[in-house]
Amino acid sequence: MYHHSGSVAQQAAGSATGVLDPQGRDHAEAMLFQRCTWCGTAMYHRLLCPVCQGSDLRTERSEGVGTVRHSTVLHRNTPAARNVSLIEMAEGFVVRGRVMGPPIGIHGGDRVRLSTAKDPVRGEPVFQLVDEPFRAWT
């Protein structure tokens, strides 16, 4: 006699919940990303691979080093201006975050390192410049 206990549904739900937040290790200040086991594409906070649409993703820890690809200054909903930047990480994925420092001083091509994995107010990663670039007349 067959009796469906629902364990299959519970296993499927459990696998999706552990994709972005694995248990066992302290990842409070680490940036986690996914890598598709089929095509090897790295992505940030996805449930399906954007290249092959595969759902078999493994969670990896980023080293936290990247390059600013685009930065813009926002003046809305904040008492002071802040920047929003697209950071291309060394592992190959792109993440939106904030770079510490004067918003006007953040430019494309600047190298950054992860400072905190989550901004307490906005919930986005915060980066800091690795080295100050030399810009004489900008």
Protein backbone atom coordinates (compact mmCIF):
# COMPACT_ATOMS: atom_id res chain seq x y z
CA MET A 1 0.00 0.00 0.00
CA TYR A 2 1.36 3.42 -0.98
CA HIS A 3 1.18 6.28 1.53
CA HIS A 4 2.32 9.76 0.49
CA SER A 5 3.97 11.37 3.51
CA GLY A 6 4.89 14.67 1.86
CA SER A 7 8.62 14.14 2.42
CA VAL A 8 9.36 14.72 -1.27
CA ALA A 9 7.71 18.16 -1.16
CA GLN A 10 9.57 19.00 2.04
CA GLN A 11 12.91 18.01 0.47
CA ALA A 12 12.24 20.18 -2.58
CA ALA A 13 11.31 23.14 -0.40
CA GLY A 14 14.39 22.63 1.74
CA SER A 15 16.74 22.68 -1.23
CA ALA A 16 15.47 26.06 -2.42
CA THR A 17 15.70 27.67 1.00
CA GLY A 18 19.37 26.79 1.42
CA VAL A 19 20.47 28.25 -1.93
CA LEU A 20 21.32 31.74 -0.68
CA ASP A 21 21.86 31.13 3.01
CA PRO A 22 23.77 27.89 3.77
CA GLN A 23 23.88 26.74 7.36
CA GLY A 24 26.85 25.64 9.42
CA ARG A 25 29.36 28.45 8.87
CA ASP A 26 29.33 32.09 9.90
CA HIS A 27 28.79 34.17 6.75
CA ALA A 28 27.79 37.45 8.41
CA GLU A 29 30.47 39.44 6.55
CA ALA A 30 30.86 37.26 3.46
CA MET A 31 29.33 37.73 0.04
CA LEU A 32 27.73 34.55 -1.25
CA PHE A 33 26.95 33.91 -4.90
CA GLN A 34 25.74 30.99 -6.99
CA ARG A 35 27.49 29.08 -9.75
CA CYS A 36 25.59 26.91 -12.23
CA THR A 37 26.81 23.32 -12.13
CA TRP A 38 25.88 22.83 -15.81
CA CYS A 39 27.52 25.79 -17.57
CA GLY A 40 29.65 27.36 -14.80
CA THR A 41 28.04 30.82 -14.95
CA ALA A 42 28.42 32.89 -11.77
CA MET A 43 25.41 34.93 -10.62
CA TYR A 44 24.22 36.88 -7.60
CA HIS A 45 20.91 36.03 -5.88
CA ARG A 46 19.22 34.04 -8.63
CA LEU A 47 17.06 30.94 -8.59
CA LEU A 48 17.74 29.96 -12.21
CA CYS A 49 20.84 30.33 -14.36
CA PRO A 50 20.39 33.27 -16.77
CA VAL A 51 22.38 31.42 -19.49
CA CYS A 52 21.08 27.84 -19.52
CA GLN A 53 18.03 28.19 -17.21
CA GLY A 54 19.41 25.41 -15.01
CA SER A 55 18.25 25.20 -11.41
CA ASP A 56 21.20 23.18 -10.09
CA LEU A 57 23.17 26.01 -8.46
CA ARG A 58 25.87 25.69 -5.84
CA THR A 59 26.58 28.44 -3.33
CA GLU A 60 30.14 29.76 -3.16
CA ARG A 61 31.87 32.43 -1.15
CA SER A 62 33.29 35.46 -2.94
CA GLU A 63 36.73 36.85 -2.15
CA GLY A 64 35.13 40.31 -2.12
CA VAL A 65 37.39 41.98 -4.71
CA GLY A 66 35.95 43.70 -7.76
CA THR A 67 35.99 46.60 -10.20
CA VAL A 68 33.52 49.47 -10.49
CA ARG A 69 31.81 49.25 -13.89
CA HIS A 70 29.34 52.12 -13.40
CA SER A 71 28.62 54.58 -10.62
CA THR A 72 25.93 57.19 -10.25
CA VAL A 73 25.09 59.75 -7.56
CA LEU A 74 21.57 59.78 -6.10
CA HIS A 75 20.07 62.73 -4.26
CA ARG A 76 16.58 61.38 -3.56
CA ASN A 77 15.17 59.86 -0.37
CA THR A 78 18.36 60.61 1.53
CA PRO A 79 19.51 63.58 3.57
CA ALA A 80 22.84 63.57 1.69
CA ALA A 81 23.98 62.40 -1.73
CA ARG A 82 24.98 58.74 -2.03
CA ASN A 83 26.37 56.61 -4.80
CA VAL A 84 24.98 53.44 -6.33
CA SER A 85 27.53 51.39 -8.23
CA LEU A 86 27.61 48.26 -10.34
CA ILE A 87 30.57 46.17 -9.25
CA GLU A 88 31.98 43.36 -11.39
CA MET A 89 33.41 40.84 -8.97
CA ALA A 90 36.54 38.80 -9.68
CA GLU A 91 34.44 35.61 -9.81
CA GLY A 92 32.50 36.93 -12.82
CA PHE A 93 29.17 38.18 -11.47
CA VAL A 94 27.88 41.76 -11.17
CA VAL A 95 26.35 43.17 -8.00
CA ARG A 96 24.75 46.51 -7.15
CA GLY A 97 26.17 48.18 -4.06
CA ARG A 98 27.56 51.31 -2.48
CA VAL A 99 31.20 52.41 -2.44
CA MET A 100 32.35 54.35 0.63
CA GLY A 101 33.87 57.73 0.01
CA PRO A 102 32.81 60.95 -1.66
CA PRO A 103 30.20 60.07 -4.32
CA ILE A 104 31.85 62.31 -6.90
CA GLY A 105 35.18 60.47 -6.45
CA ILE A 106 33.95 57.01 -7.52
CA HIS A 107 34.65 56.22 -11.18
CA GLY A 108 34.46 53.26 -13.53
CA GLY A 109 37.59 51.12 -13.38
CA ASP A 110 38.29 51.76 -9.68
CA ARG A 111 39.22 48.62 -7.75
CA VAL A 112 37.15 47.90 -4.63
CA ARG A 113 37.02 45.42 -1.76
CA LEU A 114 33.96 44.29 0.22
CA SER A 115 33.64 46.17 3.50
CA THR A 116 30.35 44.76 4.82
CA ALA A 117 28.09 42.23 3.16
CA LYS A 118 24.91 44.13 4.10
CA ASP A 119 24.23 47.80 4.66
CA PRO A 120 21.98 47.92 7.77
CA VAL A 121 19.68 50.50 6.17
CA ARG A 122 19.47 49.50 2.51
CA GLY A 123 20.49 45.83 2.68
CA GLU A 124 23.02 46.11 -0.15
CA PRO A 125 26.75 45.33 -0.03
CA VAL A 126 29.16 48.13 0.88
CA PHE A 127 32.61 48.40 -0.71
CA GLN A 128 35.70 50.51 -0.13
CA LEU A 129 38.35 51.64 -2.61
CA VAL A 130 41.43 49.41 -2.67
CA ASP A 131 43.81 52.14 -3.76
CA GLU A 132 43.29 55.82 -4.46
CA PRO A 133 43.65 56.43 -8.19
CA PHE A 134 45.71 59.33 -9.47
CA ARG A 135 43.47 61.85 -11.20
CA ALA A 136 45.14 65.20 -11.59
CA TRP A 137 42.38 67.33 -13.12
CA THR A 138 39.06 65.57 -12.54
